[in-house]
Amino acid sequence: MSDIRFVDLSEQPTAAVREQVRTTELPDFFGRAFTAVLHALRAQDVMPSGPPFALYHGMPADTVDVEAGFPVPAPVEPEGAVVRGVLPAGRAVEAVHVGPYDTLPTTYGQVLQRIEEDGRQPSSTMWEYYLSDPETEPDPSTWRTRVVWPEA
């Protein structure tokens, strides 16, 4: 993991699919969501403006309220399960996790510790940007995921 740092974020429009998902079914959900969003963006002649992301509404447990999609340059028209969304503006803590997805909780713990050490409260939402494509980078030890956790 790289250094944990505080950042000031600008609001970022997104196109995403939002569902309540069992955590064991997240990989399937992500595949469906990313495919649906890319199809909707192509139909509207819009290119993503960043890597795929997953926005968690609340702390994941057995199930999680999650949005998965892509940042876009401007709001898009909803299509099927694809809806408009935003990654909110504000102060956040971020870190780049290197390794398989099942070790992400360690990075989240370190990010949360940093927020609390600074005397701040974490937001109830947090998100991840997937900087590596497992299809082109099959070695999970090299996967890079940017973890972003805003302050409340």
C-alpha atoms as a PDB file:
ATOM      1  CA  MET A   1       0.000   0.000   0.000  1.00  0.00           C
ATOM      2  CA  SER A   2       1.188   3.518  -0.714  1.00  0.00           C
ATOM      3  CA  ASP A   3       1.000   6.350   1.750  1.00  0.00           C
ATOM      4  CA  ILE A   4      -2.335   7.259   3.216  1.00  0.00           C
ATOM      5  CA  ARG A   5      -3.151  10.856   2.434  1.00  0.00           C
ATOM      6  CA  PHE A   6      -5.858  13.455   2.831  1.00  0.00           C
ATOM      7  CA  VAL A   7      -7.365  14.797  -0.385  1.00  0.00           C
ATOM      8  CA  ASP A   8      -9.993  17.385  -1.332  1.00  0.00           C
ATOM      9  CA  LEU A   9     -12.409  15.930  -3.851  1.00  0.00           C
ATOM     10  CA  SER A  10     -14.583  17.602  -6.454  1.00  0.00           C
ATOM     11  CA  GLU A  11     -17.993  16.138  -7.200  1.00  0.00           C
ATOM     12  CA  GLN A  12     -17.726  13.529  -9.971  1.00  0.00           C
ATOM     13  CA  PRO A  13     -20.748  12.509 -12.087  1.00  0.00           C
ATOM     14  CA  THR A  14     -21.122   8.761 -12.561  1.00  0.00           C
ATOM     15  CA  ALA A  15     -23.117   6.181 -14.446  1.00  0.00           C
ATOM     16  CA  ALA A  16     -23.753   3.122 -12.302  1.00  0.00           C
ATOM     17  CA  VAL A  17     -25.959   0.209 -11.360  1.00  0.00           C
ATOM     18  CA  ARG A  18     -27.087   0.166  -7.710  1.00  0.00           C
ATOM     19  CA  GLU A  19     -28.244  -2.962  -5.896  1.00  0.00           C
ATOM     20  CA  GLN A  20     -28.388  -4.652  -2.515  1.00  0.00           C
ATOM     21  CA  VAL A  21     -25.896  -7.510  -2.971  1.00  0.00           C
ATOM     22  CA  ARG A  22     -24.645 -10.373  -0.821  1.00  0.00           C
ATOM     23  CA  THR A  23     -20.922  -9.768  -0.374  1.00  0.00           C
ATOM     24  CA  THR A  24     -20.207 -13.256  -1.728  1.00  0.00           C
ATOM     25  CA  GLU A  25     -21.939 -12.211  -4.976  1.00  0.00           C
ATOM     26  CA  LEU A  26     -20.011  -8.947  -5.495  1.00  0.00           C
ATOM     27  CA  PRO A  27     -17.753 -10.280  -8.291  1.00  0.00           C
ATOM     28  CA  ASP A  28     -20.793 -11.335 -10.358  1.00  0.00           C
ATOM     29  CA  PHE A  29     -22.540  -8.038  -9.633  1.00  0.00           C
ATOM     30  CA  PHE A  30     -19.489  -6.033 -10.690  1.00  0.00           C
ATOM     31  CA  GLY A  31     -19.251  -7.932 -13.962  1.00  0.00           C
ATOM     32  CA  ARG A  32     -22.939  -7.324 -14.734  1.00  0.00           C
ATOM     33  CA  ALA A  33     -22.838  -3.682 -13.638  1.00  0.00           C
ATOM     34  CA  PHE A  34     -19.672  -2.705 -15.518  1.00  0.00           C
ATOM     35  CA  THR A  35     -20.952  -4.394 -18.686  1.00  0.00           C
ATOM     36  CA  ALA A  36     -24.364  -2.674 -18.438  1.00  0.00           C
ATOM     37  CA  VAL A  37     -22.804   0.743 -17.833  1.00  0.00           C
ATOM     38  CA  LEU A  38     -20.345   0.407 -20.716  1.00  0.00           C
ATOM     39  CA  HIS A  39     -23.204  -0.634 -23.017  1.00  0.00           C
ATOM     40  CA  ALA A  40     -25.282   2.402 -21.939  1.00  0.00           C
ATOM     41  CA  LEU A  41     -22.321   4.757 -22.378  1.00  0.00           C
ATOM     42  CA  ARG A  42     -21.562   3.422 -25.862  1.00  0.00           C
ATOM     43  CA  ALA A  43     -25.226   3.913 -26.824  1.00  0.00           C
ATOM     44  CA  GLN A  44     -24.922   7.568 -25.745  1.00  0.00           C
ATOM     45  CA  ASP A  45     -21.479   8.011 -27.323  1.00  0.00           C
ATOM     46  CA  VAL A  46     -19.917   8.795 -23.933  1.00  0.00           C
ATOM     47  CA  MET A  47     -16.459   7.686 -22.827  1.00  0.00           C
ATOM     48  CA  PRO A  48     -15.754   6.990 -19.146  1.00  0.00           C
ATOM     49  CA  SER A  49     -13.597   9.690 -17.573  1.00  0.00           C
ATOM     50  CA  GLY A  50     -11.862   7.320 -15.176  1.00  0.00           C
ATOM     51  CA  PRO A  51     -11.489   3.723 -14.016  1.00  0.00           C
ATOM     52  CA  PRO A  52     -14.376   1.565 -12.803  1.00  0.00           C
ATOM     53  CA  PHE A  53     -15.481   2.118  -9.229  1.00  0.00           C
ATOM     54  CA  ALA A  54     -17.668   0.645  -6.503  1.00  0.00           C
ATOM     55  CA  LEU A  55     -19.405   3.003  -4.056  1.00  0.00           C
ATOM     56  CA  TYR A  56     -20.537   1.407  -0.808  1.00  0.00           C
ATOM     57  CA  HIS A  57     -23.496   2.923   1.056  1.00  0.00           C
ATOM     58  CA  GLY A  58     -22.729   1.774   4.574  1.00  0.00           C
ATOM     59  CA  MET A  59     -20.217  -0.717   5.879  1.00  0.00           C
ATOM     60  CA  PRO A  60     -20.325  -4.029   3.999  1.00  0.00           C
ATOM     61  CA  ALA A  61     -21.596  -6.973   6.055  1.00  0.00           C
ATOM     62  CA  ASP A  62     -23.358 -10.083   4.726  1.00  0.00           C
ATOM     63  CA  THR A  63     -25.083  -7.780   2.242  1.00  0.00           C
ATOM     64  CA  VAL A  64     -24.172  -4.328   1.022  1.00  0.00           C
ATOM     65  CA  ASP A  65     -25.873  -1.447  -0.765  1.00  0.00           C
ATOM     66  CA  VAL A  66     -23.437  -0.834  -3.620  1.00  0.00           C
ATOM     67  CA  GLU A  67     -23.161   1.142  -6.846  1.00  0.00           C
ATOM     68  CA  ALA A  68     -20.738  -0.006  -9.533  1.00  0.00           C
ATOM     69  CA  GLY A  69     -19.931   1.875 -12.694  1.00  0.00           C
ATOM     70  CA  PHE A  70     -17.727   4.544 -14.191  1.00  0.00           C
ATOM     71  CA  PRO A  71     -17.073   8.248 -13.699  1.00  0.00           C
ATOM     72  CA  VAL A  72     -18.337  10.281 -16.657  1.00  0.00           C
ATOM     73  CA  PRO A  73     -17.614  13.828 -17.878  1.00  0.00           C
ATOM     74  CA  ALA A  74     -21.255  14.919 -17.424  1.00  0.00           C
ATOM     75  CA  PRO A  75     -24.523  13.322 -16.277  1.00  0.00           C
ATOM     76  CA  VAL A  76     -25.854  10.682 -18.678  1.00  0.00           C
ATOM     77  CA  GLU A  77     -29.380   9.556 -19.473  1.00  0.00           C
ATOM     78  CA  PRO A  78     -30.559   6.597 -17.381  1.00  0.00           C
ATOM     79  CA  GLU A  79     -30.918   3.387 -19.397  1.00  0.00           C
ATOM     80  CA  GLY A  80     -32.298   0.146 -17.990  1.00  0.00           C
ATOM     81  CA  ALA A  81     -30.590  -0.519 -14.653  1.00  0.00           C
ATOM     82  CA  VAL A  82     -28.023   2.236 -15.303  1.00  0.00           C
ATOM     83  CA  VAL A  83     -28.664   5.410 -13.314  1.00  0.00           C
ATOM     84  CA  ARG A  84     -27.025   8.781 -12.807  1.00  0.00           C
ATOM     85  CA  GLY A  85     -24.955   9.187  -9.697  1.00  0.00           C
ATOM     86  CA  VAL A  86     -22.154  11.199  -8.143  1.00  0.00           C
ATOM     87  CA  LEU A  87     -19.069  10.617  -6.112  1.00  0.00           C
ATOM     88  CA  PRO A  88     -19.406  13.456  -3.606  1.00  0.00           C
ATOM     89  CA  ALA A  89     -17.150  16.446  -3.094  1.00  0.00           C
ATOM     90  CA  GLY A  90     -15.352  16.970   0.191  1.00  0.00           C
ATOM     91  CA  ARG A  91     -12.351  15.998   2.256  1.00  0.00           C
ATOM     92  CA  ALA A  92     -11.366  12.340   2.211  1.00  0.00           C
ATOM     93  CA  VAL A  93      -8.569   9.969   3.022  1.00  0.00           C
ATOM     94  CA  GLU A  94      -7.243   7.752   0.265  1.00  0.00           C
ATOM     95  CA  ALA A  95      -4.690   5.003  -0.171  1.00  0.00           C
ATOM     96  CA  VAL A  96      -3.695   2.682  -2.991  1.00  0.00           C
ATOM     97  CA  HIS A  97      -4.033  -0.966  -2.023  1.00  0.00           C
ATOM     98  CA  VAL A  98      -1.737  -3.405  -3.835  1.00  0.00           C
ATOM     99  CA  GLY A  99      -2.822  -7.025  -3.750  1.00  0.00           C
ATOM    100  CA  PRO A 100      -5.885  -9.228  -4.017  1.00  0.00           C
ATOM    101  CA  TYR A 101      -9.332  -7.880  -3.227  1.00  0.00           C
ATOM    102  CA  ASP A 102      -9.750 -10.147  -0.214  1.00  0.00           C
ATOM    103  CA  THR A 103      -6.986  -8.209   1.575  1.00  0.00           C
ATOM    104  CA  LEU A 104      -8.709  -4.827   1.113  1.00  0.00           C
ATOM    105  CA  PRO A 105     -10.092  -4.847   4.700  1.00  0.00           C
ATOM    106  CA  THR A 106      -6.546  -4.281   5.993  1.00  0.00           C
ATOM    107  CA  THR A 107      -6.221  -1.106   3.920  1.00  0.00           C
ATOM    108  CA  TYR A 108      -9.678   0.068   4.972  1.00  0.00           C
ATOM    109  CA  GLY A 109      -8.659  -0.429   8.599  1.00  0.00           C
ATOM    110  CA  GLN A 110      -5.548   1.691   8.103  1.00  0.00           C
ATOM    111  CA  VAL A 111      -7.527   4.433   6.341  1.00  0.00           C
ATOM    112  CA  LEU A 112     -10.149   4.457   9.123  1.00  0.00           C
ATOM    113  CA  GLN A 113      -7.395   4.645  11.743  1.00  0.00           C
ATOM    114  CA  ARG A 114      -5.920   7.676   9.976  1.00  0.00           C
ATOM    115  CA  ILE A 115      -9.310   9.449   9.911  1.00  0.00           C
ATOM    116  CA  GLU A 116      -9.815   8.806  13.621  1.00  0.00           C
ATOM    117  CA  GLU A 117      -6.234   9.815  14.529  1.00  0.00           C
ATOM    118  CA  ASP A 118      -6.973  13.164  12.889  1.00  0.00           C
ATOM    119  CA  GLY A 119      -9.966  13.567  15.217  1.00  0.00           C
ATOM    120  CA  ARG A 120     -12.513  13.234  12.427  1.00  0.00           C
ATOM    121  CA  GLN A 121     -15.493  11.003  11.747  1.00  0.00           C
ATOM    122  CA  PRO A 122     -15.725   8.755   8.683  1.00  0.00           C
ATOM    123  CA  SER A 123     -18.597   9.087   6.248  1.00  0.00           C
ATOM    124  CA  SER A 124     -21.067   6.229   5.944  1.00  0.00           C
ATOM    125  CA  THR A 125     -20.035   5.903   2.286  1.00  0.00           C
ATOM    126  CA  MET A 126     -16.708   4.895   0.800  1.00  0.00           C
ATOM    127  CA  TRP A 127     -15.533   3.798  -2.615  1.00  0.00           C
ATOM    128  CA  GLU A 128     -12.865   1.983  -4.568  1.00  0.00           C
ATOM    129  CA  TYR A 129     -11.396   2.651  -7.994  1.00  0.00           C
ATOM    130  CA  TYR A 130     -10.129  -0.485  -9.725  1.00  0.00           C
ATOM    131  CA  LEU A 131      -6.845   0.574 -11.296  1.00  0.00           C
ATOM    132  CA  SER A 132      -5.946  -2.927 -12.535  1.00  0.00           C
ATOM    133  CA  ASP A 133      -7.876  -5.180 -14.900  1.00  0.00           C
ATOM    134  CA  PRO A 134      -7.777  -8.786 -13.641  1.00  0.00           C
ATOM    135  CA  GLU A 135      -8.345 -10.026 -17.210  1.00  0.00           C
ATOM    136  CA  THR A 136      -5.104  -8.417 -18.422  1.00  0.00           C
ATOM    137  CA  GLU A 137      -3.237  -8.680 -15.100  1.00  0.00           C
ATOM    138  CA  PRO A 138      -4.015 -12.188 -13.812  1.00  0.00           C
ATOM    139  CA  ASP A 139      -1.613 -12.023 -10.829  1.00  0.00           C
ATOM    140  CA  PRO A 140      -3.692 -10.723  -7.858  1.00  0.00           C
ATOM    141  CA  SER A 141      -0.545  -9.696  -5.977  1.00  0.00           C
ATOM    142  CA  THR A 142      -0.098  -6.864  -8.520  1.00  0.00           C
ATOM    143  CA  TRP A 143      -3.674  -5.522  -8.533  1.00  0.00           C
ATOM    144  CA  ARG A 144      -4.004  -1.861  -7.541  1.00  0.00           C
ATOM    145  CA  THR A 145      -7.176  -0.476  -5.945  1.00  0.00           C
ATOM    146  CA  ARG A 146      -7.553   3.135  -4.814  1.00  0.00           C
ATOM    147  CA  VAL A 147      -9.575   3.292  -1.581  1.00  0.00           C
ATOM    148  CA  VAL A 148     -11.357   6.594  -0.881  1.00  0.00           C
ATOM    149  CA  TRP A 149     -13.141   7.234   2.435  1.00  0.00           C
ATOM    150  CA  PRO A 150     -14.643  10.699   2.934  1.00  0.00           C
ATOM    151  CA  GLU A 151     -14.987  12.404   6.273  1.00  0.00           C
ATOM    152  CA  ALA A 152     -18.489  12.866   7.660  1.00  0.00           C
END
